[in-house]
Amino acid sequence: MEPVVIEKILLHIGEPSEPPVVLPARAPPQVEMDFDQVAQANENEWPDMDQSAETIDETWN
């Protein structure tokens, strides 16, 4: 709890007695996001997700 004692201990074990300098916060880096909405060559890559396919008449009991 005594600053003088703490400083002596830190210097004895080779640790700095002053806190490091805190740099100011900065914004995250900006990257360009490419949202390609052009249909791919293989449109039926997920055929079970194709909502344009004909539906089979099923009755739910």
N, C-alpha and C. Protein backbone atom coordinates (compact mmCIF):
# COMPACT_ATOMS: atom_id res chain seq x y z
N MET A 1 0.81 -1.19 0.00
CA MET A 1 0.00 0.00 0.00
C MET A 1 0.86 1.27 0.00
N GLU A 2 2.14 1.10 0.28
CA GLU A 2 3.04 2.26 0.30
C GLU A 2 3.70 2.41 -1.07
N PRO A 3 3.49 3.54 -1.75
CA PRO A 3 4.07 3.73 -3.08
C PRO A 3 5.60 3.61 -3.12
N VAL A 4 6.28 4.07 -2.09
CA VAL A 4 7.75 4.01 -2.07
C VAL A 4 8.20 2.55 -2.01
N VAL A 5 7.54 1.74 -1.20
CA VAL A 5 7.89 0.33 -1.06
C VAL A 5 7.59 -0.41 -2.37
N ILE A 6 6.45 -0.13 -2.95
CA ILE A 6 6.08 -0.78 -4.22
C ILE A 6 7.09 -0.44 -5.31
N GLU A 7 7.50 0.83 -5.38
CA GLU A 7 8.49 1.23 -6.39
C GLU A 7 9.82 0.50 -6.18
N LYS A 8 10.26 0.36 -4.93
CA LYS A 8 11.51 -0.35 -4.65
C LYS A 8 11.41 -1.82 -5.07
N ILE A 9 10.28 -2.45 -4.78
CA ILE A 9 10.10 -3.86 -5.16
C ILE A 9 10.12 -4.01 -6.68
N LEU A 10 9.39 -3.16 -7.39
CA LEU A 10 9.36 -3.24 -8.85
C LEU A 10 10.74 -3.03 -9.45
N LEU A 11 11.47 -2.05 -8.98
CA LEU A 11 12.82 -1.79 -9.49
C LEU A 11 13.75 -2.97 -9.18
N HIS A 12 13.60 -3.58 -8.02
CA HIS A 12 14.44 -4.71 -7.64
C HIS A 12 14.23 -5.93 -8.56
N ILE A 13 12.97 -6.17 -8.96
CA ILE A 13 12.71 -7.33 -9.83
C ILE A 13 12.80 -6.99 -11.31
N GLY A 14 13.20 -5.74 -11.62
CA GLY A 14 13.43 -5.37 -13.02
C GLY A 14 12.18 -4.95 -13.78
N GLU A 15 11.14 -4.60 -13.08
CA GLU A 15 9.91 -4.15 -13.73
C GLU A 15 9.82 -2.63 -13.67
N PRO A 16 9.18 -2.02 -14.68
CA PRO A 16 9.05 -0.55 -14.63
C PRO A 16 8.12 -0.12 -13.51
N SER A 17 8.42 1.01 -12.93
CA SER A 17 7.60 1.51 -11.82
C SER A 17 6.54 2.50 -12.31
N GLU A 18 6.63 2.90 -13.54
CA GLU A 18 5.64 3.82 -14.14
C GLU A 18 4.72 3.04 -15.07
N PRO A 19 3.44 3.39 -15.11
CA PRO A 19 2.53 2.69 -16.02
C PRO A 19 2.86 3.04 -17.47
N PRO A 20 2.55 2.14 -18.42
CA PRO A 20 2.82 2.44 -19.82
C PRO A 20 1.91 3.54 -20.34
N VAL A 21 2.37 4.20 -21.38
CA VAL A 21 1.59 5.27 -22.01
C VAL A 21 0.44 4.62 -22.78
N VAL A 22 -0.76 5.12 -22.58
CA VAL A 22 -1.93 4.60 -23.28
C VAL A 22 -2.17 5.45 -24.52
N LEU A 23 -2.20 4.78 -25.67
CA LEU A 23 -2.45 5.50 -26.91
C LEU A 23 -3.93 5.79 -27.06
N PRO A 24 -4.29 6.87 -27.76
CA PRO A 24 -5.71 7.18 -27.95
C PRO A 24 -6.39 6.13 -28.83
N ALA A 25 -7.67 5.95 -28.62
CA ALA A 25 -8.43 4.98 -29.41
C ALA A 25 -8.52 5.45 -30.86
N ARG A 26 -8.66 4.49 -31.75
CA ARG A 26 -8.80 4.82 -33.17
C ARG A 26 -9.92 3.98 -33.76
N ALA A 27 -10.41 4.40 -34.89
CA ALA A 27 -11.47 3.66 -35.57
C ALA A 27 -10.90 2.40 -36.19
N PRO A 28 -11.72 1.38 -36.38
CA PRO A 28 -11.23 0.16 -37.03
C PRO A 28 -10.90 0.44 -38.50
N PRO A 29 -10.00 -0.33 -39.08
CA PRO A 29 -9.66 -0.10 -40.48
C PRO A 29 -10.86 -0.35 -41.39
N GLN A 30 -10.99 0.46 -42.41
CA GLN A 30 -12.08 0.32 -43.35
C GLN A 30 -11.63 -0.54 -44.52
N VAL A 31 -12.43 -1.53 -44.87
CA VAL A 31 -12.13 -2.37 -46.02
C VAL A 31 -13.28 -2.26 -47.00
N GLU A 32 -12.97 -2.41 -48.25
CA GLU A 32 -13.99 -2.34 -49.27
C GLU A 32 -14.68 -3.69 -49.35
N MET A 33 -15.99 -3.70 -49.20
CA MET A 33 -16.75 -4.94 -49.27
C MET A 33 -17.39 -5.05 -50.65
N ASP A 34 -17.17 -6.18 -51.27
CA ASP A 34 -17.69 -6.40 -52.60
C ASP A 34 -18.91 -7.31 -52.50
N PHE A 35 -20.09 -6.74 -52.71
CA PHE A 35 -21.31 -7.51 -52.66
C PHE A 35 -21.75 -7.80 -54.09
N ASP A 36 -21.30 -8.93 -54.59
CA ASP A 36 -21.61 -9.32 -55.96
C ASP A 36 -22.96 -10.01 -55.97
N GLN A 37 -23.95 -9.38 -56.59
CA GLN A 37 -25.28 -9.95 -56.61
C GLN A 37 -25.62 -10.52 -57.98
N VAL A 38 -24.63 -10.76 -58.80
CA VAL A 38 -24.84 -11.36 -60.11
C VAL A 38 -24.98 -12.87 -59.92
N ALA A 39 -25.96 -13.46 -60.61
CA ALA A 39 -26.19 -14.90 -60.48
C ALA A 39 -24.97 -15.67 -60.96
N GLN A 40 -24.65 -16.72 -60.25
CA GLN A 40 -23.52 -17.56 -60.62
C GLN A 40 -23.89 -18.46 -61.78
N ALA A 41 -22.89 -19.08 -62.40
CA ALA A 41 -23.12 -19.95 -63.55
C ALA A 41 -23.94 -21.17 -63.16
N ASN A 42 -23.73 -21.69 -61.97
CA ASN A 42 -24.45 -22.87 -61.52
C ASN A 42 -25.58 -22.44 -60.60
N GLU A 43 -26.73 -22.10 -61.18
CA GLU A 43 -27.84 -21.58 -60.39
C GLU A 43 -28.50 -22.65 -59.53
N ASN A 44 -28.38 -23.90 -59.92
CA ASN A 44 -29.02 -24.98 -59.17
C ASN A 44 -28.05 -25.65 -58.21
N GLU A 45 -27.16 -24.87 -57.67
CA GLU A 45 -26.19 -25.42 -56.73
C GLU A 45 -26.91 -25.94 -55.47
N TRP A 46 -28.02 -25.33 -55.11
CA TRP A 46 -28.82 -25.72 -53.96
C TRP A 46 -30.24 -25.99 -54.46
N PRO A 47 -30.48 -27.11 -55.11
CA PRO A 47 -31.79 -27.34 -55.71
C PRO A 47 -32.92 -27.41 -54.69
N ASP A 48 -32.64 -27.84 -53.46
CA ASP A 48 -33.70 -27.91 -52.47
C ASP A 48 -34.12 -26.52 -52.00
N MET A 49 -33.32 -25.52 -52.29
CA MET A 49 -33.66 -24.15 -51.92
C MET A 49 -34.31 -23.39 -53.07
N ASP A 50 -34.48 -24.03 -54.21
CA ASP A 50 -35.06 -23.39 -55.38
C ASP A 50 -36.56 -23.21 -55.18
N GLN A 51 -36.99 -21.99 -55.01
CA GLN A 51 -38.39 -21.72 -54.76
C GLN A 51 -39.18 -21.54 -56.05
N SER A 52 -38.50 -21.57 -57.18
CA SER A 52 -39.20 -21.42 -58.45
C SER A 52 -39.63 -22.77 -59.01
N ALA A 53 -39.21 -23.86 -58.40
CA ALA A 53 -39.57 -25.19 -58.87
C ALA A 53 -41.06 -25.44 -58.61
N GLU A 54 -41.63 -26.34 -59.41
CA GLU A 54 -43.04 -26.67 -59.22
C GLU A 54 -43.21 -27.38 -57.88
N THR A 55 -44.32 -27.09 -57.24
CA THR A 55 -44.60 -27.72 -55.95
C THR A 55 -45.45 -28.95 -56.15
N ILE A 56 -45.27 -29.91 -55.29
CA ILE A 56 -46.04 -31.14 -55.32
C ILE A 56 -47.21 -30.96 -54.38
N ASP A 57 -48.40 -31.28 -54.84
CA ASP A 57 -49.58 -31.14 -53.98
C ASP A 57 -49.54 -32.18 -52.89
N GLU A 58 -49.35 -31.73 -51.69
CA GLU A 58 -49.37 -32.62 -50.54
C GLU A 58 -50.44 -32.14 -49.59
N THR A 59 -51.15 -33.06 -49.02
CA THR A 59 -52.15 -32.67 -48.04
C THR A 59 -51.61 -32.93 -46.65
N TRP A 60 -51.86 -32.01 -45.79
CA TRP A 60 -51.40 -32.12 -44.41
C TRP A 60 -52.57 -32.64 -43.58
N ASN A 61 -52.38 -33.77 -43.00
CA ASN A 61 -53.45 -34.36 -42.18
C ASN A 61 -53.27 -34.00 -40.74
